[in-house]
């Protein structure tokens, strides 16, 4: 694994499955990380639902290293659908995200039943996945005005960090996993950064003026003392001075979306990525082929023309984002 912690945090049955995905099925480290995060979220939900942890334990602090076969086999089909309802109602996951999480969980149970023979019966065999494909789906994104309003809504104790997170999303079109895994040494003096995207593919992103300004402001207040060894280079840190989790970033984004009245309108972290691409395309006259390279889309490898774009075009695309000149408000 690149920056995953499942080898430390996961239980033995979970590790068996995740190592199987990585070594036998050949899944990329980032994909295995996604499976682990889905399983961790599921069993945290199950432990809360079955009252196996005190009610006042923060969700992100619920351990999963004790998830044994007894707990795994106690899960019912009803639990599965309750989890899907939780994803919809509480986490506001769209159909694609719910379908992916369902696939992760079903694959885990199928492995334990059919490959490992640790379960006699697969309780989630009949759990149906949401149909991730909708007819003529309308893409959801923030307008330029809403994007600026979102940035201006940032305040509080961690305002520099939160502002930097939102700025990176809105200007670079990064995925959630890409942002969380960033280390601050990844950001180079030429204002570029190499990130690892979907399918373990590396790509270069260009940080425009807004990103650099937000990054520099955050680094002035980013904690140094008390950061544990494995997280000392992590760009974004939680209040516990650990690498920030995906769940925490989602909460941050929802917090400010809620503040400007967009929480219940189908917006999400992923929609900020789409917003970045849309703003570049609408306001910057950026070629759609360049955008595909900027975003590191999965189908990039299937179309050779996208792999031969000049890097200056990608840099120009980042700089053309109309938010590239928006800076933090002083004294906030």
C-alpha atoms as a PDB file:
ATOM      1  CA  UNK A   1       0.000   0.000   0.000  1.00  0.00           C
ATOM      2  CA  UNK A   2       1.148   3.552  -0.642  1.00  0.00           C
ATOM      3  CA  UNK A   3      -0.418   5.498   2.180  1.00  0.00           C
ATOM      4  CA  UNK A   4      -3.098   3.147   3.442  1.00  0.00           C
ATOM      5  CA  UNK A   5      -3.222   2.031   7.061  1.00  0.00           C
ATOM      6  CA  UNK A   6      -5.276  -1.134   6.716  1.00  0.00           C
ATOM      7  CA  UNK A   7      -2.286  -3.301   7.653  1.00  0.00           C
ATOM      8  CA  UNK A   8      -2.418  -1.675  11.096  1.00  0.00           C
ATOM      9  CA  UNK A   9      -6.079  -0.731  11.544  1.00  0.00           C
ATOM     10  CA  UNK A  10      -7.977  -3.587   9.891  1.00  0.00           C
ATOM     11  CA  UNK A  11      -8.975  -6.912  11.430  1.00  0.00           C
ATOM     12  CA  UNK A  12      -7.535 -10.182  10.161  1.00  0.00           C
ATOM     13  CA  UNK A  13     -10.535 -11.122   7.953  1.00  0.00           C
ATOM     14  CA  UNK A  14     -10.417  -7.677   6.374  1.00  0.00           C
ATOM     15  CA  UNK A  15      -6.656  -7.915   5.803  1.00  0.00           C
ATOM     16  CA  UNK A  16      -7.033 -11.333   4.151  1.00  0.00           C
ATOM     17  CA  UNK A  17      -9.510  -9.876   1.672  1.00  0.00           C
ATOM     18  CA  UNK A  18      -7.523  -6.712   0.966  1.00  0.00           C
ATOM     19  CA  UNK A  19      -4.260  -8.623   0.432  1.00  0.00           C
ATOM     20  CA  UNK A  20      -6.185 -10.946  -1.882  1.00  0.00           C
ATOM     21  CA  UNK A  21      -7.356  -7.964  -3.938  1.00  0.00           C
ATOM     22  CA  UNK A  22      -3.839  -6.563  -4.132  1.00  0.00           C
ATOM     23  CA  UNK A  23      -1.755  -9.687  -4.734  1.00  0.00           C
ATOM     24  CA  UNK A  24      -4.115 -12.056  -6.524  1.00  0.00           C
ATOM     25  CA  UNK A  25      -6.546  -9.765  -8.310  1.00  0.00           C
ATOM     26  CA  UNK A  26      -3.872  -7.160  -9.034  1.00  0.00           C
ATOM     27  CA  UNK A  27      -5.857  -4.173  -7.826  1.00  0.00           C
ATOM     28  CA  UNK A  28      -3.905  -0.923  -7.486  1.00  0.00           C
ATOM     29  CA  UNK A  29      -3.017   0.397  -4.008  1.00  0.00           C
ATOM     30  CA  UNK A  30      -5.470   3.289  -4.393  1.00  0.00           C
ATOM     31  CA  UNK A  31      -8.273   0.884  -5.334  1.00  0.00           C
ATOM     32  CA  UNK A  32      -7.496  -1.332  -2.329  1.00  0.00           C
ATOM     33  CA  UNK A  33      -7.570   1.799  -0.180  1.00  0.00           C
ATOM     34  CA  UNK A  34     -11.092   2.508  -1.452  1.00  0.00           C
ATOM     35  CA  UNK A  35     -12.226  -1.020  -0.589  1.00  0.00           C
ATOM     36  CA  UNK A  36     -10.760  -0.646   2.893  1.00  0.00           C
ATOM     37  CA  UNK A  37     -12.432   2.716   3.469  1.00  0.00           C
ATOM     38  CA  UNK A  38     -15.778   1.273   2.362  1.00  0.00           C
ATOM     39  CA  UNK A  39     -15.417  -1.715   4.701  1.00  0.00           C
ATOM     40  CA  UNK A  40     -14.287   0.469   7.582  1.00  0.00           C
ATOM     41  CA  UNK A  41     -17.298   2.764   7.105  1.00  0.00           C
ATOM     42  CA  UNK A  42     -19.635  -0.229   6.960  1.00  0.00           C
ATOM     43  CA  UNK A  43     -18.387  -1.908  10.131  1.00  0.00           C
ATOM     44  CA  UNK A  44     -18.295   1.364  12.041  1.00  0.00           C
ATOM     45  CA  UNK A  45     -21.969   1.690  11.109  1.00  0.00           C
ATOM     46  CA  UNK A  46     -22.650  -1.905  12.149  1.00  0.00           C
ATOM     47  CA  UNK A  47     -20.925  -1.479  15.519  1.00  0.00           C
ATOM     48  CA  UNK A  48     -22.954   1.642  16.211  1.00  0.00           C
ATOM     49  CA  UNK A  49     -26.180  -0.016  15.057  1.00  0.00           C
ATOM     50  CA  UNK A  50     -25.567  -3.028  17.288  1.00  0.00           C
ATOM     51  CA  UNK A  51     -24.495  -0.767  20.174  1.00  0.00           C
ATOM     52  CA  UNK A  52     -21.067  -2.348  20.435  1.00  0.00           C
ATOM     53  CA  UNK A  53     -19.416   1.021  21.122  1.00  0.00           C
ATOM     54  CA  UNK A  54     -20.400   3.818  23.516  1.00  0.00           C
ATOM     55  CA  UNK A  55     -22.749   6.351  21.941  1.00  0.00           C
ATOM     56  CA  UNK A  56     -20.362   9.236  22.604  1.00  0.00           C
ATOM     57  CA  UNK A  57     -17.432   7.716  20.678  1.00  0.00           C
ATOM     58  CA  UNK A  58     -16.774   9.878  17.564  1.00  0.00           C
ATOM     59  CA  UNK A  59     -17.520   7.974  14.379  1.00  0.00           C
ATOM     60  CA  UNK A  60     -13.972   8.327  13.049  1.00  0.00           C
ATOM     61  CA  UNK A  61     -12.586   6.851  16.275  1.00  0.00           C
ATOM     62  CA  UNK A  62     -14.546   3.598  16.135  1.00  0.00           C
ATOM     63  CA  UNK A  63     -11.921   0.835  15.698  1.00  0.00           C
ATOM     64  CA  UNK A  64     -12.267  -1.972  13.169  1.00  0.00           C
ATOM     65  CA  UNK A  65      -9.314  -4.110  14.197  1.00  0.00           C
ATOM     66  CA  UNK A  66     -11.662  -6.270  16.288  1.00  0.00           C
ATOM     67  CA  UNK A  67     -14.120  -7.034  13.492  1.00  0.00           C
ATOM     68  CA  UNK A  68     -14.081 -10.830  13.694  1.00  0.00           C
ATOM     69  CA  UNK A  69     -15.999 -13.586  11.945  1.00  0.00           C
ATOM     70  CA  UNK A  70     -18.618 -13.610  14.710  1.00  0.00           C
ATOM     71  CA  UNK A  71     -19.509  -9.960  14.081  1.00  0.00           C
ATOM     72  CA  UNK A  72     -19.206 -10.342  10.317  1.00  0.00           C
ATOM     73  CA  UNK A  73     -21.590 -13.309  10.281  1.00  0.00           C
ATOM     74  CA  UNK A  74     -24.094 -11.511  12.522  1.00  0.00           C
ATOM     75  CA  UNK A  75     -24.818  -8.975   9.794  1.00  0.00           C
ATOM     76  CA  UNK A  76     -28.208  -9.392   8.129  1.00  0.00           C
ATOM     77  CA  UNK A  77     -29.692  -8.328   4.819  1.00  0.00           C
ATOM     78  CA  UNK A  78     -31.676  -5.713   6.752  1.00  0.00           C
ATOM     79  CA  UNK A  79     -28.399  -4.310   8.102  1.00  0.00           C
ATOM     80  CA  UNK A  80     -27.211  -3.997   4.524  1.00  0.00           C
ATOM     81  CA  UNK A  81     -30.219  -1.973   3.456  1.00  0.00           C
ATOM     82  CA  UNK A  82     -30.060   0.144   6.612  1.00  0.00           C
ATOM     83  CA  UNK A  83     -26.471   0.968   5.673  1.00  0.00           C
ATOM     84  CA  UNK A  84     -27.541   1.981   2.180  1.00  0.00           C
ATOM     85  CA  UNK A  85     -30.195   4.207   3.706  1.00  0.00           C
ATOM     86  CA  UNK A  86     -27.532   5.725   5.977  1.00  0.00           C
ATOM     87  CA  UNK A  87     -25.357   6.458   2.936  1.00  0.00           C
ATOM     88  CA  UNK A  88     -28.278   8.189   1.246  1.00  0.00           C
ATOM     89  CA  UNK A  89     -29.763  10.102   4.186  1.00  0.00           C
ATOM     90  CA  UNK A  90     -26.814  10.889   6.410  1.00  0.00           C
ATOM     91  CA  UNK A  91     -23.811  10.948   4.101  1.00  0.00           C
ATOM     92  CA  UNK A  92     -25.719  12.129   1.033  1.00  0.00           C
ATOM     93  CA  UNK A  93     -23.845   9.722  -1.246  1.00  0.00           C
ATOM     94  CA  UNK A  94     -25.029   9.730  -4.822  1.00  0.00           C
ATOM     95  CA  UNK A  95     -26.031   6.552  -6.661  1.00  0.00           C
ATOM     96  CA  UNK A  96     -22.551   5.938  -8.021  1.00  0.00           C
ATOM     97  CA  UNK A  97     -20.948   6.176  -4.563  1.00  0.00           C
ATOM     98  CA  UNK A  98     -23.606   3.947  -2.988  1.00  0.00           C
ATOM     99  CA  UNK A  99     -23.200   1.405  -5.765  1.00  0.00           C
ATOM    100  CA  UNK A 100     -19.429   1.327  -5.284  1.00  0.00           C
ATOM    101  CA  UNK A 101     -19.668   0.891  -1.516  1.00  0.00           C
ATOM    102  CA  UNK A 102     -22.234  -1.863  -1.963  1.00  0.00           C
ATOM    103  CA  UNK A 103     -19.917  -3.622  -4.400  1.00  0.00           C
ATOM    104  CA  UNK A 104     -17.041  -3.434  -1.900  1.00  0.00           C
ATOM    105  CA  UNK A 105     -19.107  -4.976   0.876  1.00  0.00           C
ATOM    106  CA  UNK A 106     -20.658  -7.688  -1.296  1.00  0.00           C
ATOM    107  CA  UNK A 107     -17.219  -8.598  -2.652  1.00  0.00           C
ATOM    108  CA  UNK A 108     -15.895  -8.942   0.896  1.00  0.00           C
ATOM    109  CA  UNK A 109     -18.701 -11.265   1.928  1.00  0.00           C
ATOM    110  CA  UNK A 110     -18.459 -13.250  -1.287  1.00  0.00           C
ATOM    111  CA  UNK A 111     -14.726 -13.744  -0.691  1.00  0.00           C
ATOM    112  CA  UNK A 112     -15.262 -14.968   2.884  1.00  0.00           C
ATOM    113  CA  UNK A 113     -17.989 -17.348   1.722  1.00  0.00           C
ATOM    114  CA  UNK A 114     -16.721 -18.699  -1.592  1.00  0.00           C
ATOM    115  CA  UNK A 115     -12.940 -18.307  -1.382  1.00  0.00           C
ATOM    116  CA  UNK A 116     -12.059 -18.375   2.296  1.00  0.00           C
ATOM    117  CA  UNK A 117     -14.978 -20.615   3.378  1.00  0.00           C
ATOM    118  CA  UNK A 118     -15.098 -18.689   6.664  1.00  0.00           C
ATOM    119  CA  UNK A 119     -18.865 -18.181   6.303  1.00  0.00           C
ATOM    120  CA  UNK A 120     -21.385 -20.916   5.599  1.00  0.00           C
ATOM    121  CA  UNK A 121     -23.921 -18.477   4.231  1.00  0.00           C
ATOM    122  CA  UNK A 122     -23.453 -15.083   2.622  1.00  0.00           C
ATOM    123  CA  UNK A 123     -25.992 -12.828   4.388  1.00  0.00           C
ATOM    124  CA  UNK A 124     -25.586 -10.059   1.809  1.00  0.00           C
ATOM    125  CA  UNK A 125     -25.841 -12.218  -1.280  1.00  0.00           C
ATOM    126  CA  UNK A 126     -29.224 -10.740  -2.157  1.00  0.00           C
ATOM    127  CA  UNK A 127     -28.294  -7.136  -1.354  1.00  0.00           C
ATOM    128  CA  UNK A 128     -29.062  -5.176  -4.512  1.00  0.00           C
ATOM    129  CA  UNK A 129     -26.779  -2.475  -5.785  1.00  0.00           C
ATOM    130  CA  UNK A 130     -28.282   0.932  -6.623  1.00  0.00           C
ATOM    131  CA  UNK A 131     -28.441   1.549 -10.331  1.00  0.00           C
ATOM    132  CA  UNK A 132     -25.575   3.979 -10.779  1.00  0.00           C
ATOM    133  CA  UNK A 133     -26.640   4.881 -14.305  1.00  0.00           C
ATOM    134  CA  UNK A 134     -29.415   7.388 -14.750  1.00  0.00           C
ATOM    135  CA  UNK A 135     -31.107   8.362 -17.968  1.00  0.00           C
ATOM    136  CA  UNK A 136     -29.754  11.686 -19.198  1.00  0.00           C
ATOM    137  CA  UNK A 137     -28.204  12.683 -15.868  1.00  0.00           C
ATOM    138  CA  UNK A 138     -27.747  16.406 -15.364  1.00  0.00           C
ATOM    139  CA  UNK A 139     -24.260  17.211 -14.078  1.00  0.00           C
ATOM    140  CA  UNK A 140     -24.241  19.136 -10.833  1.00  0.00           C
ATOM    141  CA  UNK A 141     -21.776  21.932 -10.275  1.00  0.00           C
ATOM    142  CA  UNK A 142     -21.456  25.254  -8.517  1.00  0.00           C
ATOM    143  CA  UNK A 143     -21.643  28.465 -10.488  1.00  0.00           C
ATOM    144  CA  UNK A 144     -18.765  30.929 -10.348  1.00  0.00           C
ATOM    145  CA  UNK A 145     -20.744  33.068  -7.913  1.00  0.00           C
ATOM    146  CA  UNK A 146     -21.555  30.079  -5.685  1.00  0.00           C
ATOM    147  CA  UNK A 147     -17.915  28.991  -5.733  1.00  0.00           C
ATOM    148  CA  UNK A 148     -16.749  32.392  -4.528  1.00  0.00           C
ATOM    149  CA  UNK A 149     -19.515  32.400  -1.911  1.00  0.00           C
ATOM    150  CA  UNK A 150     -18.319  28.987  -0.689  1.00  0.00           C
ATOM    151  CA  UNK A 151     -14.750  30.228  -0.319  1.00  0.00           C
ATOM    152  CA  UNK A 152     -15.898  33.370   1.465  1.00  0.00           C
ATOM    153  CA  UNK A 153     -17.881  31.231   3.937  1.00  0.00           C
ATOM    154  CA  UNK A 154     -14.730  29.704   5.420  1.00  0.00           C
ATOM    155  CA  UNK A 155     -14.044  30.658   9.015  1.00  0.00           C
ATOM    156  CA  UNK A 156     -13.149  29.157  12.385  1.00  0.00           C
ATOM    157  CA  UNK A 157     -10.078  27.709  14.048  1.00  0.00           C
ATOM    158  CA  UNK A 158      -8.972  25.779  10.956  1.00  0.00           C
ATOM    159  CA  UNK A 159      -9.901  28.408   8.379  1.00  0.00           C
ATOM    160  CA  UNK A 160      -6.516  28.351   6.595  1.00  0.00           C
ATOM    161  CA  UNK A 161      -6.641  24.570   6.199  1.00  0.00           C
ATOM    162  CA  UNK A 162     -10.279  24.512   5.142  1.00  0.00           C
ATOM    163  CA  UNK A 163      -9.781  27.346   2.670  1.00  0.00           C
ATOM    164  CA  UNK A 164      -6.803  25.554   1.135  1.00  0.00           C
ATOM    165  CA  UNK A 165      -8.790  22.321   0.791  1.00  0.00           C
ATOM    166  CA  UNK A 166     -11.692  24.049  -0.979  1.00  0.00           C
ATOM    167  CA  UNK A 167      -9.310  26.038  -3.169  1.00  0.00           C
ATOM    168  CA  UNK A 168      -7.493  22.898  -4.311  1.00  0.00           C
ATOM    169  CA  UNK A 169     -10.772  21.177  -5.135  1.00  0.00           C
ATOM    170  CA  UNK A 170     -12.229  24.139  -7.021  1.00  0.00           C
ATOM    171  CA  UNK A 171      -9.071  25.047  -8.932  1.00  0.00           C
ATOM    172  CA  UNK A 172      -7.382  21.701  -9.614  1.00  0.00           C
ATOM    173  CA  UNK A 173     -10.341  19.361  -9.939  1.00  0.00           C
ATOM    174  CA  UNK A 174      -8.706  16.842  -7.622  1.00  0.00           C
ATOM    175  CA  UNK A 175     -10.368  13.667  -6.397  1.00  0.00           C
ATOM    176  CA  UNK A 176     -10.976  13.264  -2.679  1.00  0.00           C
ATOM    177  CA  UNK A 177      -8.436  10.418  -2.370  1.00  0.00           C
ATOM    178  CA  UNK A 178      -5.831  12.454  -4.243  1.00  0.00           C
ATOM    179  CA  UNK A 179      -6.175  15.436  -1.917  1.00  0.00           C
ATOM    180  CA  UNK A 180      -6.095  13.368   1.280  1.00  0.00           C
ATOM    181  CA  UNK A 181      -2.944  11.513   0.216  1.00  0.00           C
ATOM    182  CA  UNK A 182      -0.947  14.641  -0.633  1.00  0.00           C
ATOM    183  CA  UNK A 183       2.274  15.389   1.249  1.00  0.00           C
ATOM    184  CA  UNK A 184       3.467  18.981   1.428  1.00  0.00           C
ATOM    185  CA  UNK A 185       6.859  18.100  -0.175  1.00  0.00           C
ATOM    186  CA  UNK A 186       4.803  17.020  -3.214  1.00  0.00           C
ATOM    187  CA  UNK A 187       4.333  20.712  -4.011  1.00  0.00           C
ATOM    188  CA  UNK A 188       7.378  21.836  -5.934  1.00  0.00           C
ATOM    189  CA  UNK A 189       9.009  25.214  -6.369  1.00  0.00           C
ATOM    190  CA  UNK A 190       7.695  25.426  -9.953  1.00  0.00           C
ATOM    191  CA  UNK A 191       4.138  25.283  -8.545  1.00  0.00           C
ATOM    192  CA  UNK A 192       3.468  21.759  -9.756  1.00  0.00           C
ATOM    193  CA  UNK A 193       2.689  18.593  -7.851  1.00  0.00           C
ATOM    194  CA  UNK A 194       2.710  14.952  -8.822  1.00  0.00           C
ATOM    195  CA  UNK A 195      -0.331  13.088  -7.561  1.00  0.00           C
ATOM    196  CA  UNK A 196      -1.442   9.486  -7.854  1.00  0.00           C
ATOM    197  CA  UNK A 197      -4.917   9.153  -9.283  1.00  0.00           C
ATOM    198  CA  UNK A 198      -7.327   6.375 -10.073  1.00  0.00           C
ATOM    199  CA  UNK A 199      -5.739   3.133 -11.203  1.00  0.00           C
ATOM    200  CA  UNK A 200      -2.472   4.200  -9.570  1.00  0.00           C
ATOM    201  CA  UNK A 201      -1.779   6.565 -12.479  1.00  0.00           C
ATOM    202  CA  UNK A 202       0.590   9.451 -11.821  1.00  0.00           C
ATOM    203  CA  UNK A 203      -0.082  12.880 -13.231  1.00  0.00           C
ATOM    204  CA  UNK A 204       1.184  16.413 -12.804  1.00  0.00           C
ATOM    205  CA  UNK A 205      -1.150  19.140 -11.615  1.00  0.00           C
ATOM    206  CA  UNK A 206      -0.410  22.839 -11.876  1.00  0.00           C
ATOM    207  CA  UNK A 207      -1.199  25.081  -8.928  1.00  0.00           C
ATOM    208  CA  UNK A 208      -2.396  28.532  -9.933  1.00  0.00           C
ATOM    209  CA  UNK A 209      -1.962  31.721  -7.897  1.00  0.00           C
ATOM    210  CA  UNK A 210      -4.995  31.042  -5.704  1.00  0.00           C
ATOM    211  CA  UNK A 211      -3.699  27.582  -4.794  1.00  0.00           C
ATOM    212  CA  UNK A 212      -0.206  28.796  -3.973  1.00  0.00           C
ATOM    213  CA  UNK A 213      -1.558  31.685  -1.902  1.00  0.00           C
ATOM    214  CA  UNK A 214      -3.849  29.354   0.064  1.00  0.00           C
ATOM    215  CA  UNK A 215      -1.073  26.778   0.466  1.00  0.00           C
ATOM    216  CA  UNK A 216       1.412  29.324   1.796  1.00  0.00           C
ATOM    217  CA  UNK A 217      -1.149  30.764   4.234  1.00  0.00           C
ATOM    218  CA  UNK A 218      -1.955  27.287   5.545  1.00  0.00           C
ATOM    219  CA  UNK A 219       1.672  26.196   5.890  1.00  0.00           C
ATOM    220  CA  UNK A 220       2.272  29.154   8.235  1.00  0.00           C
ATOM    221  CA  UNK A 221      -0.172  27.640  10.741  1.00  0.00           C
ATOM    222  CA  UNK A 222       0.084  23.933   9.927  1.00  0.00           C
ATOM    223  CA  UNK A 223       1.051  22.019  13.104  1.00  0.00           C
ATOM    224  CA  UNK A 224       4.611  20.729  13.353  1.00  0.00           C
ATOM    225  CA  UNK A 225       4.944  19.697  16.968  1.00  0.00           C
ATOM    226  CA  UNK A 226       2.996  16.655  18.101  1.00  0.00           C
ATOM    227  CA  UNK A 227       2.471  15.183  14.643  1.00  0.00           C
ATOM    228  CA  UNK A 228       3.036  11.424  14.682  1.00  0.00           C
ATOM    229  CA  UNK A 229       5.932  10.096  12.631  1.00  0.00           C
ATOM    230  CA  UNK A 230       3.901   8.500   9.839  1.00  0.00           C
ATOM    231  CA  UNK A 231       1.994  11.743   9.249  1.00  0.00           C
ATOM    232  CA  UNK A 232       4.801  14.291   9.567  1.00  0.00           C
ATOM    233  CA  UNK A 233       4.788  15.037   5.822  1.00  0.00           C
ATOM    234  CA  UNK A 234       1.001  14.914   5.365  1.00  0.00           C
ATOM    235  CA  UNK A 235      -0.240  18.141   3.834  1.00  0.00           C
ATOM    236  CA  UNK A 236      -3.632  18.310   5.524  1.00  0.00           C
ATOM    237  CA  UNK A 237      -3.866  17.412   9.211  1.00  0.00           C
ATOM    238  CA  UNK A 238      -6.866  16.831  11.464  1.00  0.00           C
ATOM    239  CA  UNK A 239      -7.394  18.487  14.840  1.00  0.00           C
ATOM    240  CA  UNK A 240      -5.643  15.412  16.311  1.00  0.00           C
ATOM    241  CA  UNK A 241      -2.583  16.264  14.162  1.00  0.00           C
ATOM    242  CA  UNK A 242      -3.005  13.188  11.990  1.00  0.00           C
ATOM    243  CA  UNK A 243      -3.377  12.901   8.221  1.00  0.00           C
ATOM    244  CA  UNK A 244      -6.883  14.113   7.574  1.00  0.00           C
ATOM    245  CA  UNK A 245      -9.386  11.394   6.644  1.00  0.00           C
ATOM    246  CA  UNK A 246     -11.757  11.319   3.702  1.00  0.00           C
ATOM    247  CA  UNK A 247     -14.670  11.428   6.099  1.00  0.00           C
ATOM    248  CA  UNK A 248     -13.371  14.593   7.739  1.00  0.00           C
ATOM    249  CA  UNK A 249     -12.828  16.321   4.391  1.00  0.00           C
ATOM    250  CA  UNK A 250     -16.388  15.419   3.418  1.00  0.00           C
ATOM    251  CA  UNK A 251     -17.650  16.910   6.670  1.00  0.00           C
ATOM    252  CA  UNK A 252     -15.692  20.098   6.017  1.00  0.00           C
ATOM    253  CA  UNK A 253     -17.147  20.450   2.538  1.00  0.00           C
ATOM    254  CA  UNK A 254     -20.698  19.747   3.720  1.00  0.00           C
ATOM    255  CA  UNK A 255     -20.237  22.255   6.545  1.00  0.00           C
ATOM    256  CA  UNK A 256     -19.570  25.127   4.158  1.00  0.00           C
ATOM    257  CA  UNK A 257     -22.091  23.955   1.564  1.00  0.00           C
ATOM    258  CA  UNK A 258     -24.642  23.992   4.362  1.00  0.00           C
ATOM    259  CA  UNK A 259     -23.510  27.462   5.353  1.00  0.00           C
ATOM    260  CA  UNK A 260     -24.376  28.839   1.912  1.00  0.00           C
ATOM    261  CA  UNK A 261     -27.579  26.814   1.666  1.00  0.00           C
ATOM    262  CA  UNK A 262     -26.524  24.086  -0.779  1.00  0.00           C
ATOM    263  CA  UNK A 263     -26.289  21.048   1.528  1.00  0.00           C
ATOM    264  CA  UNK A 264     -29.530  19.368   0.422  1.00  0.00           C
ATOM    265  CA  UNK A 265     -29.252  20.100  -3.285  1.00  0.00           C
ATOM    266  CA  UNK A 266     -27.165  17.129  -4.352  1.00  0.00           C
ATOM    267  CA  UNK A 267     -23.747  18.758  -4.023  1.00  0.00           C
ATOM    268  CA  UNK A 268     -20.754  16.824  -2.749  1.00  0.00           C
ATOM    269  CA  UNK A 269     -16.966  16.719  -2.703  1.00  0.00           C
ATOM    270  CA  UNK A 270     -16.988  15.151  -6.157  1.00  0.00           C
ATOM    271  CA  UNK A 271     -19.185  17.976  -7.446  1.00  0.00           C
ATOM    272  CA  UNK A 272     -16.403  20.419  -6.553  1.00  0.00           C
ATOM    273  CA  UNK A 273     -14.152  18.476  -8.928  1.00  0.00           C
ATOM    274  CA  UNK A 274     -16.798  18.794 -11.618  1.00  0.00           C
ATOM    275  CA  UNK A 275     -17.157  22.478 -10.797  1.00  0.00           C
ATOM    276  CA  UNK A 276     -13.451  23.064 -11.466  1.00  0.00           C
ATOM    277  CA  UNK A 277     -13.683  21.445 -14.886  1.00  0.00           C
ATOM    278  CA  UNK A 278     -16.885  23.280 -15.767  1.00  0.00           C
ATOM    279  CA  UNK A 279     -15.492  26.689 -14.784  1.00  0.00           C
ATOM    280  CA  UNK A 280     -12.339  26.115 -16.818  1.00  0.00           C
ATOM    281  CA  UNK A 281     -14.417  25.030 -19.806  1.00  0.00           C
ATOM    282  CA  UNK A 282     -17.054  27.761 -19.564  1.00  0.00           C
ATOM    283  CA  UNK A 283     -14.853  30.696 -18.596  1.00  0.00           C
ATOM    284  CA  UNK A 284     -11.411  29.723 -19.818  1.00  0.00           C
ATOM    285  CA  UNK A 285     -12.154  28.331 -23.292  1.00  0.00           C
ATOM    286  CA  UNK A 286     -10.167  25.222 -22.365  1.00  0.00           C
ATOM    287  CA  UNK A 287     -10.284  22.382 -24.874  1.00  0.00           C
ATOM    288  CA  UNK A 288     -12.228  19.379 -23.570  1.00  0.00           C
ATOM    289  CA  UNK A 289      -9.268  17.131 -24.417  1.00  0.00           C
ATOM    290  CA  UNK A 290      -7.050  19.188 -22.138  1.00  0.00           C
ATOM    291  CA  UNK A 291      -9.614  18.888 -19.366  1.00  0.00           C
ATOM    292  CA  UNK A 292      -9.527  15.115 -19.637  1.00  0.00           C
ATOM    293  CA  UNK A 293      -5.792  15.240 -18.991  1.00  0.00           C
ATOM    294  CA  UNK A 294      -6.166  17.765 -16.204  1.00  0.00           C
ATOM    295  CA  UNK A 295      -8.686  15.555 -14.424  1.00  0.00           C
ATOM    296  CA  UNK A 296      -6.940  12.236 -15.106  1.00  0.00           C
ATOM    297  CA  UNK A 297     -10.127  10.577 -16.302  1.00  0.00           C
ATOM    298  CA  UNK A 298     -10.202   6.779 -16.308  1.00  0.00           C
ATOM    299  CA  UNK A 299     -10.749   6.503 -20.067  1.00  0.00           C
ATOM    300  CA  UNK A 300      -7.638   8.565 -20.793  1.00  0.00           C
ATOM    301  CA  UNK A 301      -5.599   5.453 -21.611  1.00  0.00           C
ATOM    302  CA  UNK A 302      -8.131   4.299 -24.193  1.00  0.00           C
ATOM    303  CA  UNK A 303      -7.721   7.390 -26.351  1.00  0.00           C
ATOM    304  CA  UNK A 304      -4.126   8.081 -27.338  1.00  0.00           C
ATOM    305  CA  UNK A 305      -4.677  11.665 -28.358  1.00  0.00           C
ATOM    306  CA  UNK A 306      -5.249  12.565 -24.706  1.00  0.00           C
ATOM    307  CA  UNK A 307      -1.839  11.258 -23.670  1.00  0.00           C
ATOM    308  CA  UNK A 308       0.148  13.531 -25.998  1.00  0.00           C
ATOM    309  CA  UNK A 309      -1.045  16.955 -24.922  1.00  0.00           C
ATOM    310  CA  UNK A 310       1.620  19.557 -24.328  1.00  0.00           C
ATOM    311  CA  UNK A 311       2.111  20.263 -20.624  1.00  0.00           C
ATOM    312  CA  UNK A 312       1.895  24.013 -21.252  1.00  0.00           C
ATOM    313  CA  UNK A 313      -1.753  23.529 -22.216  1.00  0.00           C
ATOM    314  CA  UNK A 314      -2.455  21.829 -18.890  1.00  0.00           C
ATOM    315  CA  UNK A 315      -0.703  24.621 -17.006  1.00  0.00           C
ATOM    316  CA  UNK A 316      -2.686  27.200 -18.958  1.00  0.00           C
ATOM    317  CA  UNK A 317      -5.893  25.339 -18.086  1.00  0.00           C
ATOM    318  CA  UNK A 318      -5.152  25.592 -14.362  1.00  0.00           C
ATOM    319  CA  UNK A 319      -4.328  29.293 -14.654  1.00  0.00           C
ATOM    320  CA  UNK A 320      -7.466  29.972 -16.688  1.00  0.00           C
ATOM    321  CA  UNK A 321      -9.752  28.955 -13.824  1.00  0.00           C
ATOM    322  CA  UNK A 322     -11.578  32.192 -12.878  1.00  0.00           C
ATOM    323  CA  UNK A 323     -10.976  31.397  -9.195  1.00  0.00           C
ATOM    324  CA  UNK A 324      -7.204  31.477  -9.649  1.00  0.00           C
ATOM    325  CA  UNK A 325      -6.984  35.063  -8.389  1.00  0.00           C
ATOM    326  CA  UNK A 326      -9.317  34.685  -5.395  1.00  0.00           C
ATOM    327  CA  UNK A 327      -7.312  35.070  -2.184  1.00  0.00           C
ATOM    328  CA  UNK A 328      -8.237  34.598   1.496  1.00  0.00           C
ATOM    329  CA  UNK A 329      -9.984  37.562   3.072  1.00  0.00           C
ATOM    330  CA  UNK A 330      -7.726  39.329   5.529  1.00  0.00           C
ATOM    331  CA  UNK A 331      -8.668  39.395   9.188  1.00  0.00           C
ATOM    332  CA  UNK A 332     -11.191  36.555   8.946  1.00  0.00           C
END
